[in-house]
Amino acid sequence: MESPKVYIGIVRPSGGSYTNEFVDSRDYLQANLMRDGLLGGMIQASSTLIDAGRNLLVEQVLAKPRATHLLFLDSDIVCAGNACRKLLTHNKDIISGLYFQRGTMQFPLIYSYQGRHRVSGKMCPAFTPILDPVYRHLSKKRLPVTEITYATLEGNDGLMKIGGAGAGFLLVKREVFEKIPYPWFSFERGGEDLYFCDKARKNGFEIWADMSVLLGHLRLDPVGASQFLTQYQNTTEANEFLGEEPIARDLTKFLHKTPAYIKRKMRDNPVLETAERWREKSPQTLDEIRQFYCVTPEYLFELAQWNASNPFKQIINYLPKVG
């Protein structure tokens, strides 16, 4: 039986350039696959639209008869040199490594599927970031809390069936693209990668993640597993505060909802909920923006969570005492 032939596919933003850290990581990945006889080649697509770029990569790989897999590699992802080989060992149709959202909410970019919900009159797939299993898995690894821990392989116990994943480091078998009709990616609700995952699921394919394949998500301040662990712990403390009776009682009275509903909403991700409402309403004028923040209940939960957060506590400590 012939060995797999993986093509590394990169969408290059039009007019953009690669960071040195990404180039070093990509070259090390390529060299490891070549050494093991697994590299088919590297393909690139230049596009300002990420969904169009990913579709171009699929078209290129389907035009190569030897290609068995396409590894989507985003230009802001860094990995261990043998990360792709680790994913290959599982022999899954679709499998991702583990990396985290950049910005203030560093949630894992692997998701559970929550069924379909009506949004603006249209039935759409719903996905939720997988938090607790990721935290339990990583907390056993004793990762240093003061360093950016990414681009490593951590054990052999991280395989998990999921509902969807970001496509920053996503390994997909050729037959998946052959079975799913074009377009494979489309930038609709939830993003082009979750659109692909939903389409793959409807065509009978399972989606997996290996949480032991840790990746870095580059920004000015890189994000890795340690940052997620710290944020998760801070969020847990905040949720304990949010579960206290006074704030729950006040919101129950103000919103005319049950205490159970209030506590559940406060333990969800209100920042993402508020962002979803923003996309639905799409306020444009100053009056529309004011109205949005006046009538959006999810924003109240976001404010409550922010007031319970460690950054807010630190800010309060630095404010001058008044009175």
C-alpha atoms as a PDB file:
ATOM      1  CA  MET A   1       0.000   0.000   0.000  1.00  0.00           C
ATOM      2  CA  GLU A   2       1.369   3.392  -0.959  1.00  0.00           C
ATOM      3  CA  SER A   3       2.023   5.912   1.783  1.00  0.00           C
ATOM      4  CA  PRO A   4      -0.197   9.007   2.031  1.00  0.00           C
ATOM      5  CA  LYS A   5       0.777  12.086   0.052  1.00  0.00           C
ATOM      6  CA  VAL A   6      -0.039  15.282   1.887  1.00  0.00           C
ATOM      7  CA  TYR A   7      -0.233  18.625   0.153  1.00  0.00           C
ATOM      8  CA  ILE A   8       0.216  21.613   2.440  1.00  0.00           C
ATOM      9  CA  GLY A   9      -2.243  24.326   1.387  1.00  0.00           C
ATOM     10  CA  ILE A  10      -1.780  27.961   2.386  1.00  0.00           C
ATOM     11  CA  VAL A  11      -4.061  30.898   1.641  1.00  0.00           C
ATOM     12  CA  ARG A  12      -1.883  33.947   1.237  1.00  0.00           C
ATOM     13  CA  PRO A  13      -3.646  37.301   1.782  1.00  0.00           C
ATOM     14  CA  SER A  14      -3.357  39.487  -1.311  1.00  0.00           C
ATOM     15  CA  GLY A  15      -0.359  41.753  -0.868  1.00  0.00           C
ATOM     16  CA  GLY A  16       0.481  40.131   2.465  1.00  0.00           C
ATOM     17  CA  SER A  17       3.743  38.593   3.626  1.00  0.00           C
ATOM     18  CA  TYR A  18       4.667  35.784   5.997  1.00  0.00           C
ATOM     19  CA  THR A  19       6.272  36.248   9.401  1.00  0.00           C
ATOM     20  CA  ASN A  20       9.668  34.676  10.025  1.00  0.00           C
ATOM     21  CA  GLU A  21       8.177  32.533  12.771  1.00  0.00           C
ATOM     22  CA  PHE A  22       5.569  31.096  10.407  1.00  0.00           C
ATOM     23  CA  VAL A  23       8.132  30.467   7.650  1.00  0.00           C
ATOM     24  CA  ASP A  24      10.442  28.605  10.043  1.00  0.00           C
ATOM     25  CA  SER A  25       7.551  26.473  11.307  1.00  0.00           C
ATOM     26  CA  ARG A  26       6.260  25.753   7.790  1.00  0.00           C
ATOM     27  CA  ASP A  27       9.705  24.768   6.528  1.00  0.00           C
ATOM     28  CA  TYR A  28      10.278  22.441   9.482  1.00  0.00           C
ATOM     29  CA  LEU A  29       6.861  20.828   8.888  1.00  0.00           C
ATOM     30  CA  GLN A  30       7.616  20.410   5.182  1.00  0.00           C
ATOM     31  CA  ALA A  31      11.051  18.921   5.882  1.00  0.00           C
ATOM     32  CA  ASN A  32       9.630  16.367   8.319  1.00  0.00           C
ATOM     33  CA  LEU A  33       6.959  15.208   5.864  1.00  0.00           C
ATOM     34  CA  MET A  34       9.550  14.994   3.080  1.00  0.00           C
ATOM     35  CA  ARG A  35      11.905  12.959   5.269  1.00  0.00           C
ATOM     36  CA  ASP A  36       9.128  10.469   6.022  1.00  0.00           C
ATOM     37  CA  GLY A  37       8.081  10.193   2.364  1.00  0.00           C
ATOM     38  CA  LEU A  38       4.679  11.760   3.086  1.00  0.00           C
ATOM     39  CA  LEU A  39       4.974  15.113   1.326  1.00  0.00           C
ATOM     40  CA  GLY A  40       3.145  15.530  -1.949  1.00  0.00           C
ATOM     41  CA  GLY A  41       3.988  19.205  -2.261  1.00  0.00           C
ATOM     42  CA  MET A  42       2.987  22.670  -1.168  1.00  0.00           C
ATOM     43  CA  ILE A  43       0.267  24.744  -2.845  1.00  0.00           C
ATOM     44  CA  GLN A  44      -0.736  28.349  -2.304  1.00  0.00           C
ATOM     45  CA  ALA A  45      -3.708  30.515  -3.200  1.00  0.00           C
ATOM     46  CA  SER A  46      -3.725  34.291  -3.068  1.00  0.00           C
ATOM     47  CA  SER A  47      -7.092  35.771  -2.146  1.00  0.00           C
ATOM     48  CA  THR A  48      -8.576  38.561  -0.063  1.00  0.00           C
ATOM     49  CA  LEU A  49     -11.503  36.236   0.751  1.00  0.00           C
ATOM     50  CA  ILE A  50     -10.518  33.275   2.885  1.00  0.00           C
ATOM     51  CA  ASP A  51     -13.390  31.073   1.670  1.00  0.00           C
ATOM     52  CA  ALA A  52     -12.473  31.672  -1.979  1.00  0.00           C
ATOM     53  CA  GLY A  53      -8.834  30.940  -1.166  1.00  0.00           C
ATOM     54  CA  ARG A  54      -9.673  27.651   0.529  1.00  0.00           C
ATOM     55  CA  ASN A  55     -11.840  26.591  -2.425  1.00  0.00           C
ATOM     56  CA  LEU A  56      -8.916  27.307  -4.761  1.00  0.00           C
ATOM     57  CA  LEU A  57      -6.685  25.064  -2.649  1.00  0.00           C
ATOM     58  CA  VAL A  58      -9.205  22.221  -2.886  1.00  0.00           C
ATOM     59  CA  GLU A  59      -9.432  22.598  -6.665  1.00  0.00           C
ATOM     60  CA  GLN A  60      -5.635  22.465  -6.912  1.00  0.00           C
ATOM     61  CA  VAL A  61      -5.302  19.355  -4.775  1.00  0.00           C
ATOM     62  CA  LEU A  62      -8.071  17.521  -6.683  1.00  0.00           C
ATOM     63  CA  ALA A  63      -6.117  18.191  -9.877  1.00  0.00           C
ATOM     64  CA  LYS A  64      -3.172  16.204  -8.457  1.00  0.00           C
ATOM     65  CA  PRO A  65      -3.815  12.452  -8.865  1.00  0.00           C
ATOM     66  CA  ARG A  66      -1.254  11.469  -6.205  1.00  0.00           C
ATOM     67  CA  ALA A  67      -2.740  13.686  -3.496  1.00  0.00           C
ATOM     68  CA  THR A  68      -4.402  11.747  -0.666  1.00  0.00           C
ATOM     69  CA  HIS A  69      -4.720  14.581   1.878  1.00  0.00           C
ATOM     70  CA  LEU A  70      -4.868  18.357   2.032  1.00  0.00           C
ATOM     71  CA  LEU A  71      -3.485  20.046   5.140  1.00  0.00           C
ATOM     72  CA  PHE A  72      -4.902  23.537   5.513  1.00  0.00           C
ATOM     73  CA  LEU A  73      -2.204  25.661   7.132  1.00  0.00           C
ATOM     74  CA  ASP A  74      -3.047  29.270   7.940  1.00  0.00           C
ATOM     75  CA  SER A  75      -0.241  31.805   7.741  1.00  0.00           C
ATOM     76  CA  ASP A  76      -0.666  32.746  11.409  1.00  0.00           C
ATOM     77  CA  ILE A  77      -0.313  29.173  12.729  1.00  0.00           C
ATOM     78  CA  VAL A  78       2.897  27.569  13.996  1.00  0.00           C
ATOM     79  CA  CYS A  79       3.284  23.877  14.737  1.00  0.00           C
ATOM     80  CA  ALA A  80       5.707  21.158  15.737  1.00  0.00           C
ATOM     81  CA  GLY A  81       7.566  19.608  12.814  1.00  0.00           C
ATOM     82  CA  ASN A  82       5.870  16.226  13.261  1.00  0.00           C
ATOM     83  CA  ALA A  83       2.362  17.621  13.958  1.00  0.00           C
ATOM     84  CA  CYS A  84       0.914  16.508  10.619  1.00  0.00           C
ATOM     85  CA  ARG A  85       2.344  13.004  10.953  1.00  0.00           C
ATOM     86  CA  LYS A  86       0.676  12.738  14.368  1.00  0.00           C
ATOM     87  CA  LEU A  87      -2.690  13.599  12.804  1.00  0.00           C
ATOM     88  CA  LEU A  88      -2.101  11.094   9.999  1.00  0.00           C
ATOM     89  CA  THR A  89      -1.639   8.231  12.476  1.00  0.00           C
ATOM     90  CA  HIS A  90      -5.321   8.471  13.452  1.00  0.00           C
ATOM     91  CA  ASN A  91      -6.481   7.799   9.862  1.00  0.00           C
ATOM     92  CA  LYS A  92      -9.495  10.116  10.152  1.00  0.00           C
ATOM     93  CA  ASP A  93     -11.333  11.755   7.264  1.00  0.00           C
ATOM     94  CA  ILE A  94     -11.143  15.188   8.915  1.00  0.00           C
ATOM     95  CA  ILE A  95      -8.939  15.997  11.904  1.00  0.00           C
ATOM     96  CA  SER A  96      -7.616  19.177  13.493  1.00  0.00           C
ATOM     97  CA  GLY A  97      -4.912  20.094  15.925  1.00  0.00           C
ATOM     98  CA  LEU A  98      -5.692  22.365  18.874  1.00  0.00           C
ATOM     99  CA  TYR A  99      -5.273  26.124  18.781  1.00  0.00           C
ATOM    100  CA  PHE A 100      -7.022  29.073  20.346  1.00  0.00           C
ATOM    101  CA  GLN A 101      -8.865  32.223  19.358  1.00  0.00           C
ATOM    102  CA  ARG A 102      -6.802  35.377  19.479  1.00  0.00           C
ATOM    103  CA  GLY A 103      -7.971  38.420  21.431  1.00  0.00           C
ATOM    104  CA  THR A 104      -9.579  38.715  24.841  1.00  0.00           C
ATOM    105  CA  MET A 105     -11.563  35.452  24.667  1.00  0.00           C
ATOM    106  CA  GLN A 106      -8.987  32.739  23.967  1.00  0.00           C
ATOM    107  CA  PHE A 107     -11.375  29.828  23.528  1.00  0.00           C
ATOM    108  CA  PRO A 108     -10.367  26.612  21.701  1.00  0.00           C
ATOM    109  CA  LEU A 109     -11.232  26.579  18.022  1.00  0.00           C
ATOM    110  CA  ILE A 110     -12.869  23.170  18.240  1.00  0.00           C
ATOM    111  CA  TYR A 111     -16.629  22.985  18.646  1.00  0.00           C
ATOM    112  CA  SER A 112     -19.567  20.804  19.572  1.00  0.00           C
ATOM    113  CA  TYR A 113     -22.539  20.773  17.213  1.00  0.00           C
ATOM    114  CA  GLN A 114     -25.702  22.135  18.837  1.00  0.00           C
ATOM    115  CA  GLY A 115     -28.256  21.388  16.140  1.00  0.00           C
ATOM    116  CA  ARG A 116     -29.964  23.893  13.895  1.00  0.00           C
ATOM    117  CA  HIS A 117     -31.630  27.074  15.098  1.00  0.00           C
ATOM    118  CA  ARG A 118     -33.731  29.680  13.365  1.00  0.00           C
ATOM    119  CA  VAL A 119     -31.890  32.973  12.894  1.00  0.00           C
ATOM    120  CA  SER A 120     -33.567  35.826  11.018  1.00  0.00           C
ATOM    121  CA  GLY A 121     -36.033  33.361   9.520  1.00  0.00           C
ATOM    122  CA  LYS A 122     -33.337  30.923   8.347  1.00  0.00           C
ATOM    123  CA  MET A 123     -32.343  27.605   9.905  1.00  0.00           C
ATOM    124  CA  CYS A 124     -28.610  27.721  10.674  1.00  0.00           C
ATOM    125  CA  PRO A 125     -26.175  25.281  12.314  1.00  0.00           C
ATOM    126  CA  ALA A 126     -25.098  26.205  15.831  1.00  0.00           C
ATOM    127  CA  PHE A 127     -21.692  25.429  17.326  1.00  0.00           C
ATOM    128  CA  THR A 128     -20.269  25.983  20.809  1.00  0.00           C
ATOM    129  CA  PRO A 129     -16.544  26.033  21.715  1.00  0.00           C
ATOM    130  CA  ILE A 130     -15.478  22.947  23.681  1.00  0.00           C
ATOM    131  CA  LEU A 131     -14.105  24.275  26.970  1.00  0.00           C
ATOM    132  CA  ASP A 132     -14.267  21.826  29.881  1.00  0.00           C
ATOM    133  CA  PRO A 133     -12.775  18.756  28.119  1.00  0.00           C
ATOM    134  CA  VAL A 134      -9.936  20.888  26.731  1.00  0.00           C
ATOM    135  CA  TYR A 135      -9.223  22.352  30.153  1.00  0.00           C
ATOM    136  CA  ARG A 136      -9.256  18.937  31.827  1.00  0.00           C
ATOM    137  CA  HIS A 137      -6.910  17.544  29.181  1.00  0.00           C
ATOM    138  CA  LEU A 138      -4.427  20.417  29.276  1.00  0.00           C
ATOM    139  CA  SER A 139      -4.432  20.875  33.042  1.00  0.00           C
ATOM    140  CA  LYS A 140      -2.940  17.380  33.371  1.00  0.00           C
ATOM    141  CA  LYS A 141       0.036  18.372  31.206  1.00  0.00           C
ATOM    142  CA  ARG A 142       1.569  20.804  33.708  1.00  0.00           C
ATOM    143  CA  LEU A 143       2.292  23.405  31.077  1.00  0.00           C
ATOM    144  CA  PRO A 144       4.300  26.388  32.334  1.00  0.00           C
ATOM    145  CA  VAL A 145       1.954  29.294  33.045  1.00  0.00           C
ATOM    146  CA  THR A 146       4.454  32.047  32.257  1.00  0.00           C
ATOM    147  CA  GLU A 147       5.479  30.938  28.773  1.00  0.00           C
ATOM    148  CA  ILE A 148       3.798  30.806  25.387  1.00  0.00           C
ATOM    149  CA  THR A 149       3.329  27.042  25.075  1.00  0.00           C
ATOM    150  CA  TYR A 150       2.574  26.034  21.529  1.00  0.00           C
ATOM    151  CA  ALA A 151       4.045  24.034  18.674  1.00  0.00           C
ATOM    152  CA  THR A 152       4.439  20.939  20.846  1.00  0.00           C
ATOM    153  CA  LEU A 153       3.104  17.401  21.038  1.00  0.00           C
ATOM    154  CA  GLU A 154       1.799  16.503  24.499  1.00  0.00           C
ATOM    155  CA  GLY A 155       1.194  12.770  24.948  1.00  0.00           C
ATOM    156  CA  ASN A 156      -1.075  10.344  23.102  1.00  0.00           C
ATOM    157  CA  ASP A 157      -4.389  10.800  24.898  1.00  0.00           C
ATOM    158  CA  GLY A 158      -5.898  13.777  23.101  1.00  0.00           C
ATOM    159  CA  LEU A 159      -8.100  12.236  20.386  1.00  0.00           C
ATOM    160  CA  MET A 160     -11.684  13.504  20.541  1.00  0.00           C
ATOM    161  CA  LYS A 161     -14.701  13.450  18.243  1.00  0.00           C
ATOM    162  CA  ILE A 162     -16.035  16.977  17.723  1.00  0.00           C
ATOM    163  CA  GLY A 163     -18.693  18.828  15.762  1.00  0.00           C
ATOM    164  CA  GLY A 164     -16.498  21.361  13.992  1.00  0.00           C
ATOM    165  CA  ALA A 165     -13.113  23.063  13.951  1.00  0.00           C
ATOM    166  CA  GLY A 166     -11.283  26.037  12.616  1.00  0.00           C
ATOM    167  CA  ALA A 167      -9.362  25.305   9.433  1.00  0.00           C
ATOM    168  CA  GLY A 168      -6.056  26.786  10.579  1.00  0.00           C
ATOM    169  CA  PHE A 169      -4.445  23.324  10.837  1.00  0.00           C
ATOM    170  CA  LEU A 170      -6.988  20.924   9.395  1.00  0.00           C
ATOM    171  CA  LEU A 171      -6.079  17.647   7.681  1.00  0.00           C
ATOM    172  CA  VAL A 172      -8.712  16.391   5.213  1.00  0.00           C
ATOM    173  CA  LYS A 173      -8.752  13.269   3.041  1.00  0.00           C
ATOM    174  CA  ARG A 174      -9.217  13.669  -0.697  1.00  0.00           C
ATOM    175  CA  GLU A 175     -12.451  11.647  -0.776  1.00  0.00           C
ATOM    176  CA  VAL A 176     -14.149  14.198   1.476  1.00  0.00           C
ATOM    177  CA  PHE A 177     -13.796  16.869  -1.205  1.00  0.00           C
ATOM    178  CA  GLU A 178     -14.776  14.402  -3.922  1.00  0.00           C
ATOM    179  CA  LYS A 179     -18.053  13.611  -2.177  1.00  0.00           C
ATOM    180  CA  ILE A 180     -19.028  17.111  -1.002  1.00  0.00           C
ATOM    181  CA  PRO A 181     -20.381  19.366  -3.765  1.00  0.00           C
ATOM    182  CA  TYR A 182     -18.857  22.770  -4.487  1.00  0.00           C
ATOM    183  CA  PRO A 183     -18.500  25.174  -2.743  1.00  0.00           C
ATOM    184  CA  TRP A 184     -16.617  23.421   0.020  1.00  0.00           C
ATOM    185  CA  PHE A 185     -16.193  26.698   1.890  1.00  0.00           C
ATOM    186  CA  SER A 186     -18.517  29.676   2.055  1.00  0.00           C
ATOM    187  CA  PHE A 187     -18.360  32.575   4.471  1.00  0.00           C
ATOM    188  CA  GLU A 188     -21.769  32.288   6.055  1.00  0.00           C
ATOM    189  CA  ARG A 189     -22.938  32.358   9.664  1.00  0.00           C
ATOM    190  CA  GLY A 190     -20.173  30.988  11.904  1.00  0.00           C
ATOM    191  CA  GLY A 191     -17.424  31.302   9.313  1.00  0.00           C
ATOM    192  CA  GLU A 192     -16.254  29.381   6.279  1.00  0.00           C
ATOM    193  CA  ASP A 193     -14.616  26.603   8.294  1.00  0.00           C
ATOM    194  CA  LEU A 194     -17.772  25.725  10.245  1.00  0.00           C
ATOM    195  CA  TYR A 195     -19.730  25.893   6.976  1.00  0.00           C
ATOM    196  CA  PHE A 196     -17.384  23.176   5.665  1.00  0.00           C
ATOM    197  CA  CYS A 197     -17.732  21.118   8.843  1.00  0.00           C
ATOM    198  CA  ASP A 198     -21.527  21.313   8.710  1.00  0.00           C
ATOM    199  CA  LYS A 199     -21.515  20.271   5.051  1.00  0.00           C
ATOM    200  CA  ALA A 200     -19.130  17.394   5.793  1.00  0.00           C
ATOM    201  CA  ARG A 201     -21.311  16.186   8.666  1.00  0.00           C
ATOM    202  CA  LYS A 202     -24.408  16.219   6.436  1.00  0.00           C
ATOM    203  CA  ASN A 203     -22.485  14.085   3.921  1.00  0.00           C
ATOM    204  CA  GLY A 204     -21.689  11.445   6.523  1.00  0.00           C
ATOM    205  CA  PHE A 205     -18.165  12.421   7.599  1.00  0.00           C
ATOM    206  CA  GLU A 206     -16.955  12.591  11.190  1.00  0.00           C
ATOM    207  CA  ILE A 207     -14.742  15.391  12.480  1.00  0.00           C
ATOM    208  CA  TRP A 208     -12.021  14.821  15.049  1.00  0.00           C
ATOM    209  CA  ALA A 209      -9.404  16.751  16.978  1.00  0.00           C
ATOM    210  CA  ASP A 210      -6.160  15.670  18.583  1.00  0.00           C
ATOM    211  CA  MET A 211      -5.756  17.882  21.644  1.00  0.00           C
ATOM    212  CA  SER A 212      -2.177  16.693  22.062  1.00  0.00           C
ATOM    213  CA  VAL A 213      -1.199  18.514  18.845  1.00  0.00           C
ATOM    214  CA  LEU A 214      -0.807  22.008  20.272  1.00  0.00           C
ATOM    215  CA  LEU A 215      -0.484  24.893  17.836  1.00  0.00           C
ATOM    216  CA  GLY A 216       0.344  28.555  18.184  1.00  0.00           C
ATOM    217  CA  HIS A 217      -1.928  31.296  16.847  1.00  0.00           C
ATOM    218  CA  LEU A 218       0.320  34.221  16.044  1.00  0.00           C
ATOM    219  CA  ARG A 219      -0.420  37.837  16.847  1.00  0.00           C
ATOM    220  CA  LEU A 220       1.637  40.620  18.427  1.00  0.00           C
ATOM    221  CA  ASP A 221       1.169  38.687  21.660  1.00  0.00           C
ATOM    222  CA  PRO A 222       1.051  34.986  20.647  1.00  0.00           C
ATOM    223  CA  VAL A 223      -1.663  32.741  22.050  1.00  0.00           C
ATOM    224  CA  GLY A 224      -1.049  29.204  23.238  1.00  0.00           C
ATOM    225  CA  ALA A 225      -2.357  26.584  25.647  1.00  0.00           C
ATOM    226  CA  SER A 226      -1.077  28.335  28.775  1.00  0.00           C
ATOM    227  CA  GLN A 227      -3.072  31.445  27.943  1.00  0.00           C
ATOM    228  CA  PHE A 228      -6.247  29.371  27.606  1.00  0.00           C
ATOM    229  CA  LEU A 229      -5.627  27.663  30.964  1.00  0.00           C
ATOM    230  CA  THR A 230      -5.142  31.011  32.700  1.00  0.00           C
ATOM    231  CA  GLN A 231      -8.251  32.504  31.129  1.00  0.00           C
ATOM    232  CA  TYR A 232     -10.341  29.430  31.935  1.00  0.00           C
ATOM    233  CA  GLN A 233      -9.352  29.656  35.594  1.00  0.00           C
ATOM    234  CA  ASN A 234     -10.142  33.379  35.652  1.00  0.00           C
ATOM    235  CA  THR A 235     -13.497  32.768  33.971  1.00  0.00           C
ATOM    236  CA  THR A 236     -14.335  30.037  36.480  1.00  0.00           C
ATOM    237  CA  GLU A 237     -13.700  32.481  39.323  1.00  0.00           C
ATOM    238  CA  ALA A 238     -15.863  35.047  37.558  1.00  0.00           C
ATOM    239  CA  ASN A 239     -18.675  32.535  37.101  1.00  0.00           C
ATOM    240  CA  GLU A 240     -18.579  31.734  40.811  1.00  0.00           C
ATOM    241  CA  PHE A 241     -19.069  35.441  41.472  1.00  0.00           C
ATOM    242  CA  LEU A 242     -21.848  35.631  38.892  1.00  0.00           C
ATOM    243  CA  GLY A 243     -23.668  32.785  40.615  1.00  0.00           C
ATOM    244  CA  GLU A 244     -24.056  34.792  43.821  1.00  0.00           C
ATOM    245  CA  GLU A 245     -27.649  35.587  44.636  1.00  0.00           C
ATOM    246  CA  PRO A 246     -27.735  39.440  44.556  1.00  0.00           C
ATOM    247  CA  ILE A 247     -26.672  39.879  40.920  1.00  0.00           C
ATOM    248  CA  ALA A 248     -28.740  36.906  39.738  1.00  0.00           C
ATOM    249  CA  ARG A 249     -31.763  38.176  41.639  1.00  0.00           C
ATOM    250  CA  ASP A 250     -31.425  41.675  40.169  1.00  0.00           C
ATOM    251  CA  LEU A 251     -31.183  40.395  36.592  1.00  0.00           C
ATOM    252  CA  THR A 252     -34.082  38.006  37.190  1.00  0.00           C
ATOM    253  CA  LYS A 253     -36.263  40.895  38.248  1.00  0.00           C
ATOM    254  CA  PHE A 254     -35.090  43.273  35.500  1.00  0.00           C
ATOM    255  CA  LEU A 255     -35.440  40.795  32.609  1.00  0.00           C
ATOM    256  CA  HIS A 256     -38.516  38.977  33.979  1.00  0.00           C
ATOM    257  CA  LYS A 257     -36.794  35.604  33.613  1.00  0.00           C
ATOM    258  CA  THR A 258     -36.383  32.619  35.931  1.00  0.00           C
ATOM    259  CA  PRO A 259     -33.281  32.365  38.170  1.00  0.00           C
ATOM    260  CA  ALA A 260     -32.250  29.164  36.352  1.00  0.00           C
ATOM    261  CA  TYR A 261     -32.342  30.985  33.000  1.00  0.00           C
ATOM    262  CA  ILE A 262     -30.277  33.890  34.350  1.00  0.00           C
ATOM    263  CA  LYS A 263     -27.592  31.626  35.820  1.00  0.00           C
ATOM    264  CA  ARG A 264     -27.388  29.559  32.640  1.00  0.00           C
ATOM    265  CA  LYS A 265     -26.975  32.655  30.474  1.00  0.00           C
ATOM    266  CA  MET A 266     -24.277  34.023  32.763  1.00  0.00           C
ATOM    267  CA  ARG A 267     -22.348  30.771  32.437  1.00  0.00           C
ATOM    268  CA  ASP A 268     -22.608  30.776  28.647  1.00  0.00           C
ATOM    269  CA  ASN A 269     -20.253  32.920  26.598  1.00  0.00           C
ATOM    270  CA  PRO A 270     -22.023  36.314  26.616  1.00  0.00           C
ATOM    271  CA  VAL A 271     -19.324  37.979  24.528  1.00  0.00           C
ATOM    272  CA  LEU A 272     -20.000  35.579  21.647  1.00  0.00           C
ATOM    273  CA  GLU A 273     -23.761  35.897  22.170  1.00  0.00           C
ATOM    274  CA  THR A 274     -23.514  39.685  21.958  1.00  0.00           C
ATOM    275  CA  ALA A 275     -21.395  39.401  18.818  1.00  0.00           C
ATOM    276  CA  GLU A 276     -24.033  37.130  17.231  1.00  0.00           C
ATOM    277  CA  ARG A 277     -26.775  39.640  18.017  1.00  0.00           C
ATOM    278  CA  TRP A 278     -24.603  42.415  16.542  1.00  0.00           C
ATOM    279  CA  ARG A 279     -24.229  40.491  13.275  1.00  0.00           C
ATOM    280  CA  GLU A 280     -27.970  39.882  13.158  1.00  0.00           C
ATOM    281  CA  LYS A 281     -28.944  43.509  13.835  1.00  0.00           C
ATOM    282  CA  SER A 282     -26.010  45.087  11.966  1.00  0.00           C
ATOM    283  CA  PRO A 283     -26.440  48.584  13.457  1.00  0.00           C
ATOM    284  CA  GLN A 284     -25.030  51.299  11.195  1.00  0.00           C
ATOM    285  CA  THR A 285     -25.976  54.704  12.583  1.00  0.00           C
ATOM    286  CA  LEU A 286     -25.150  56.106  16.004  1.00  0.00           C
ATOM    287  CA  ASP A 287     -28.820  55.885  17.013  1.00  0.00           C
ATOM    288  CA  GLU A 288     -28.977  52.233  15.924  1.00  0.00           C
ATOM    289  CA  ILE A 289     -25.847  51.458  17.938  1.00  0.00           C
ATOM    290  CA  ARG A 290     -27.281  53.172  21.029  1.00  0.00           C
ATOM    291  CA  GLN A 291     -30.526  51.272  20.575  1.00  0.00           C
ATOM    292  CA  PHE A 292     -28.630  47.985  20.253  1.00  0.00           C
ATOM    293  CA  TYR A 293     -26.896  48.414  23.604  1.00  0.00           C
ATOM    294  CA  CYS A 294     -30.119  49.555  25.249  1.00  0.00           C
ATOM    295  CA  VAL A 295     -32.272  46.582  24.253  1.00  0.00           C
ATOM    296  CA  THR A 296     -29.819  43.654  23.894  1.00  0.00           C
ATOM    297  CA  PRO A 297     -30.100  41.463  27.031  1.00  0.00           C
ATOM    298  CA  GLU A 298     -26.954  39.492  26.152  1.00  0.00           C
ATOM    299  CA  TYR A 299     -24.981  42.707  26.623  1.00  0.00           C
ATOM    300  CA  LEU A 300     -26.095  42.831  30.269  1.00  0.00           C
ATOM    301  CA  PHE A 301     -24.584  39.388  30.820  1.00  0.00           C
ATOM    302  CA  GLU A 302     -21.392  40.507  29.065  1.00  0.00           C
ATOM    303  CA  LEU A 303     -21.167  43.526  31.384  1.00  0.00           C
ATOM    304  CA  ALA A 304     -21.775  41.332  34.419  1.00  0.00           C
ATOM    305  CA  GLN A 305     -19.041  38.919  33.367  1.00  0.00           C
ATOM    306  CA  TRP A 306     -16.639  41.780  32.697  1.00  0.00           C
ATOM    307  CA  ASN A 307     -17.281  43.224  36.174  1.00  0.00           C
ATOM    308  CA  ALA A 308     -16.456  39.825  37.646  1.00  0.00           C
ATOM    309  CA  SER A 309     -13.257  39.378  35.653  1.00  0.00           C
ATOM    310  CA  ASN A 310      -9.683  39.589  36.911  1.00  0.00           C
ATOM    311  CA  PRO A 311      -8.741  42.442  34.519  1.00  0.00           C
ATOM    312  CA  PHE A 312     -11.583  44.552  35.928  1.00  0.00           C
ATOM    313  CA  LYS A 313     -10.446  43.784  39.476  1.00  0.00           C
ATOM    314  CA  GLN A 314      -6.919  44.876  38.559  1.00  0.00           C
ATOM    315  CA  ILE A 315      -8.204  48.099  36.999  1.00  0.00           C
ATOM    316  CA  ILE A 316     -10.241  48.862  40.124  1.00  0.00           C
ATOM    317  CA  ASN A 317      -7.143  48.405  42.274  1.00  0.00           C
ATOM    318  CA  TYR A 318      -5.324  51.099  40.295  1.00  0.00           C
ATOM    319  CA  LEU A 319      -8.143  53.640  40.373  1.00  0.00           C
ATOM    320  CA  PRO A 320      -7.702  56.474  42.889  1.00  0.00           C
ATOM    321  CA  LYS A 321      -9.903  56.317  45.957  1.00  0.00           C
ATOM    322  CA  VAL A 322     -12.733  58.854  45.917  1.00  0.00           C
ATOM    323  CA  GLY A 323     -14.394  60.273  49.045  1.00  0.00           C
END
